[in-house]
Amino acid sequence: MTSILRVDSIQTSSGGSATASGLGIGGTVGQIVSTTLSSTVSISSSSTSNFVDISGLSVNITPTSTSSKIFIFYVVNASATSGTRHIRLMRDSTAISIGDAAQGNQVRSTASARPNSTVYDFDTANMAGQFLDSPSTTSQITYKMQLTLGASYSGTAYINRTISTGDADYVPVMQSTISVMEVLA
């Protein structure tokens, strides 16, 4: 079953909150927090499926109620010298929005991208998505993105740039972001 997020209208009140109708999840928007990473980050991965934090791509939010839901939006732009770029979404130290591994070597990811065979120096993957979380807490939560190239590969992943650093109009630099929105019940 596919859900589509549609916002018909957003109205703000004098208290700073917003009421959204047509979300399909009901409620009032309590707060929105966002982090944008516009610098480049390098991550070395040496034949391991262990995920590491993408430095600078995290956001903190403190829900106002245990019944609040948190809607997370993310965009990660990544290239790599080899392997598959696997990313995953974390709530503090817990991986969320990941698939069930059907076999032992499969990587439980939020999203992944792999170029066809030989890595192209100007290839980047735009991995974007959203997830509705029910954290059931009023304590501060950190949502963050992590990355691995998987156990079959050793290489370097680059966030917000291609493998090539040449000064040319076909060598892009990008930005990545993670945003969270509290939806009050």
Protein backbone atom coordinates (compact mmCIF):
# COMPACT_ATOMS: atom_id res chain seq x y z
CA MET A 1 0.00 0.00 0.00
CA THR A 2 1.40 3.39 -0.98
CA SER A 3 0.66 6.52 1.03
CA ILE A 4 0.79 9.93 -0.55
CA LEU A 5 1.42 13.01 1.54
CA ARG A 6 -0.76 15.86 0.38
CA VAL A 7 -1.05 19.18 2.17
CA ASP A 8 -4.16 21.13 1.27
CA SER A 9 -3.41 24.10 3.49
CA ILE A 10 -1.26 25.25 6.36
CA GLN A 11 -2.47 27.94 8.72
CA THR A 12 -0.32 29.48 11.42
CA SER A 13 -1.62 30.63 14.76
CA SER A 14 -0.30 33.36 17.03
CA GLY A 15 1.34 30.66 19.18
CA GLY A 16 3.71 29.72 16.37
CA SER A 17 2.16 26.36 15.55
CA ALA A 18 0.61 25.45 12.24
CA THR A 19 -2.47 23.44 11.42
CA ALA A 20 -2.18 21.26 8.32
CA SER A 21 -5.17 19.68 6.68
CA GLY A 22 -5.15 16.88 4.14
CA LEU A 23 -2.02 15.22 5.55
CA GLY A 24 -3.69 11.85 5.89
CA ILE A 25 -2.03 11.49 9.29
CA GLY A 26 -4.10 14.11 11.10
CA GLY A 27 -2.97 16.52 13.75
CA THR A 28 -1.24 19.85 14.04
CA VAL A 29 2.32 20.67 13.08
CA GLY A 30 4.05 21.50 16.35
CA GLN A 31 7.59 22.28 15.16
CA ILE A 32 9.89 21.80 12.20
CA VAL A 33 13.67 21.46 12.56
CA SER A 34 16.10 21.07 9.66
CA THR A 35 19.83 20.67 9.06
CA THR A 36 21.44 21.29 5.68
CA LEU A 37 24.94 20.05 4.91
CA SER A 38 26.50 22.03 2.06
CA SER A 39 30.15 21.10 2.68
CA THR A 40 31.67 17.86 1.41
CA VAL A 41 32.37 14.84 3.62
CA SER A 42 34.62 11.84 2.94
CA ILE A 43 33.95 8.45 4.53
CA SER A 44 36.41 5.55 4.23
CA SER A 45 34.90 2.08 4.22
CA SER A 46 37.17 -0.95 4.37
CA SER A 47 35.34 -4.21 3.60
CA THR A 48 32.73 -3.79 6.30
CA SER A 49 28.97 -3.47 6.45
CA ASN A 50 29.27 -1.34 9.59
CA PHE A 51 27.53 1.99 9.14
CA VAL A 52 29.19 5.25 10.19
CA ASP A 53 27.61 8.64 10.85
CA ILE A 54 27.59 11.17 8.02
CA SER A 55 29.20 14.08 9.85
CA GLY A 56 26.97 17.16 9.88
CA LEU A 57 23.81 15.35 8.79
CA SER A 58 21.80 15.10 12.01
CA VAL A 59 18.98 17.02 13.65
CA ASN A 60 17.66 17.23 17.24
CA ILE A 61 14.01 17.56 18.22
CA THR A 62 12.21 17.34 21.56
CA PRO A 63 8.61 16.17 21.10
CA THR A 64 6.00 18.01 23.20
CA SER A 65 3.90 14.88 23.76
CA THR A 66 4.48 11.11 23.89
CA SER A 67 1.65 10.74 21.37
CA SER A 68 3.38 12.97 18.79
CA LYS A 69 4.62 11.49 15.55
CA ILE A 70 7.78 12.72 13.85
CA PHE A 71 7.81 12.99 10.07
CA ILE A 72 11.37 12.79 8.72
CA PHE A 73 12.48 13.97 5.26
CA TYR A 74 16.01 13.33 4.02
CA VAL A 75 18.14 13.89 0.93
CA VAL A 76 21.65 12.42 0.72
CA ASN A 77 23.86 13.03 -2.34
CA ALA A 78 26.70 10.49 -2.46
CA SER A 79 29.36 9.12 -4.77
CA ALA A 80 31.89 6.36 -4.10
CA THR A 81 35.14 4.98 -5.52
CA SER A 82 33.64 1.47 -5.40
CA GLY A 83 30.71 -0.48 -4.08
CA THR A 84 27.14 0.25 -3.20
CA ARG A 85 26.23 3.36 -1.28
CA HIS A 86 23.96 2.18 1.52
CA ILE A 87 22.41 4.77 3.82
CA ARG A 88 20.22 4.32 6.85
CA LEU A 89 18.13 6.55 9.06
CA MET A 90 18.79 6.48 12.80
CA ARG A 91 16.75 7.56 15.83
CA ASP A 92 19.49 7.99 18.44
CA SER A 93 21.21 4.56 18.32
CA THR A 94 18.29 2.69 16.72
CA ALA A 95 18.08 2.09 12.97
CA ILE A 96 14.60 2.91 11.63
CA SER A 97 13.03 2.72 8.18
CA ILE A 98 15.18 -0.28 7.18
CA GLY A 99 14.27 -3.46 5.36
CA ASP A 100 14.21 -6.95 6.83
CA ALA A 101 17.26 -8.94 5.73
CA ALA A 102 16.13 -12.08 3.92
CA GLN A 103 19.66 -13.54 3.97
CA GLY A 104 22.65 -13.09 6.27
CA ASN A 105 24.86 -10.94 4.02
CA GLN A 106 22.21 -8.50 2.86
CA VAL A 107 22.55 -4.96 4.21
CA ARG A 108 19.51 -3.58 6.02
CA SER A 109 19.34 -0.11 4.49
CA THR A 110 16.98 2.85 4.29
CA ALA A 111 18.12 3.44 0.69
CA SER A 112 20.99 2.39 -1.55
CA ALA A 113 22.47 3.07 -4.96
CA ARG A 114 25.05 1.29 -7.08
CA PRO A 115 26.41 2.36 -10.44
CA ASN A 116 26.28 -0.16 -13.24
CA SER A 117 29.60 -2.07 -13.04
CA THR A 118 32.57 0.31 -13.29
CA VAL A 119 32.29 3.43 -11.18
CA TYR A 120 32.01 6.60 -13.26
CA ASP A 121 33.96 9.58 -11.84
CA PHE A 122 31.00 11.93 -12.20
CA ASP A 123 28.32 9.56 -10.88
CA THR A 124 26.35 10.64 -7.83
CA ALA A 125 23.26 9.16 -6.25
CA ASN A 126 20.46 11.32 -4.93
CA MET A 127 18.86 9.20 -2.22
CA ALA A 128 15.76 10.88 -0.83
CA GLY A 129 12.78 9.75 1.15
CA GLN A 130 10.60 10.17 4.20
CA PHE A 131 9.49 8.16 7.21
CA LEU A 132 6.78 8.63 9.85
CA ASP A 133 8.17 7.71 13.28
CA SER A 134 6.34 7.17 16.59
CA PRO A 135 9.07 7.68 19.22
CA SER A 136 6.70 7.82 22.26
CA THR A 137 8.91 10.20 24.25
CA THR A 138 9.23 13.81 25.36
CA SER A 139 13.02 13.54 25.64
CA GLN A 140 15.32 15.01 23.00
CA ILE A 141 15.82 12.75 19.98
CA THR A 142 18.65 12.86 17.46
CA TYR A 143 17.80 11.75 13.94
CA LYS A 144 20.81 11.19 11.70
CA MET A 145 21.99 9.53 8.50
CA GLN A 146 24.69 6.86 8.26
CA LEU A 147 26.54 5.25 5.34
CA THR A 148 28.47 2.11 4.41
CA LEU A 149 29.82 0.65 1.16
CA GLY A 150 29.23 -2.93 2.34
CA ALA A 151 31.55 -5.80 3.19
CA SER A 152 32.47 -6.62 -0.43
CA TYR A 153 34.19 -3.29 -1.06
CA SER A 154 36.94 -1.04 0.22
CA GLY A 155 36.80 2.55 -0.92
CA THR A 156 35.80 6.09 -0.12
CA ALA A 157 32.34 7.59 -0.23
CA TYR A 158 31.87 11.30 -0.81
CA ILE A 159 28.88 13.30 0.35
CA ASN A 160 27.86 16.32 -1.77
CA ARG A 161 30.48 15.79 -4.50
CA THR A 162 31.57 13.39 -7.21
CA ILE A 163 34.80 11.37 -7.13
CA SER A 164 36.33 13.92 -9.50
CA THR A 165 37.32 17.30 -8.08
CA GLY A 166 38.11 18.87 -11.44
CA ASP A 167 37.21 22.48 -12.14
CA ALA A 168 34.64 21.92 -14.87
CA ASP A 169 30.97 22.64 -15.45
CA TYR A 170 30.19 18.91 -15.41
CA VAL A 171 31.62 18.42 -11.88
CA PRO A 172 28.77 19.28 -9.49
CA VAL A 173 28.81 20.12 -5.81
CA MET A 174 25.55 19.54 -3.99
CA GLN A 175 23.92 19.68 -0.58
CA SER A 176 22.19 17.12 1.61
CA THR A 177 19.54 17.69 4.25
CA ILE A 178 17.54 16.10 7.02
CA SER A 179 14.34 17.71 8.30
CA VAL A 180 11.91 16.62 11.00
CA MET A 181 8.35 17.76 11.65
CA GLU A 182 6.42 17.05 14.83
CA VAL A 183 2.80 16.11 14.19
CA LEU A 184 0.71 16.54 17.33
CA ALA A 185 -2.05 13.99 17.90
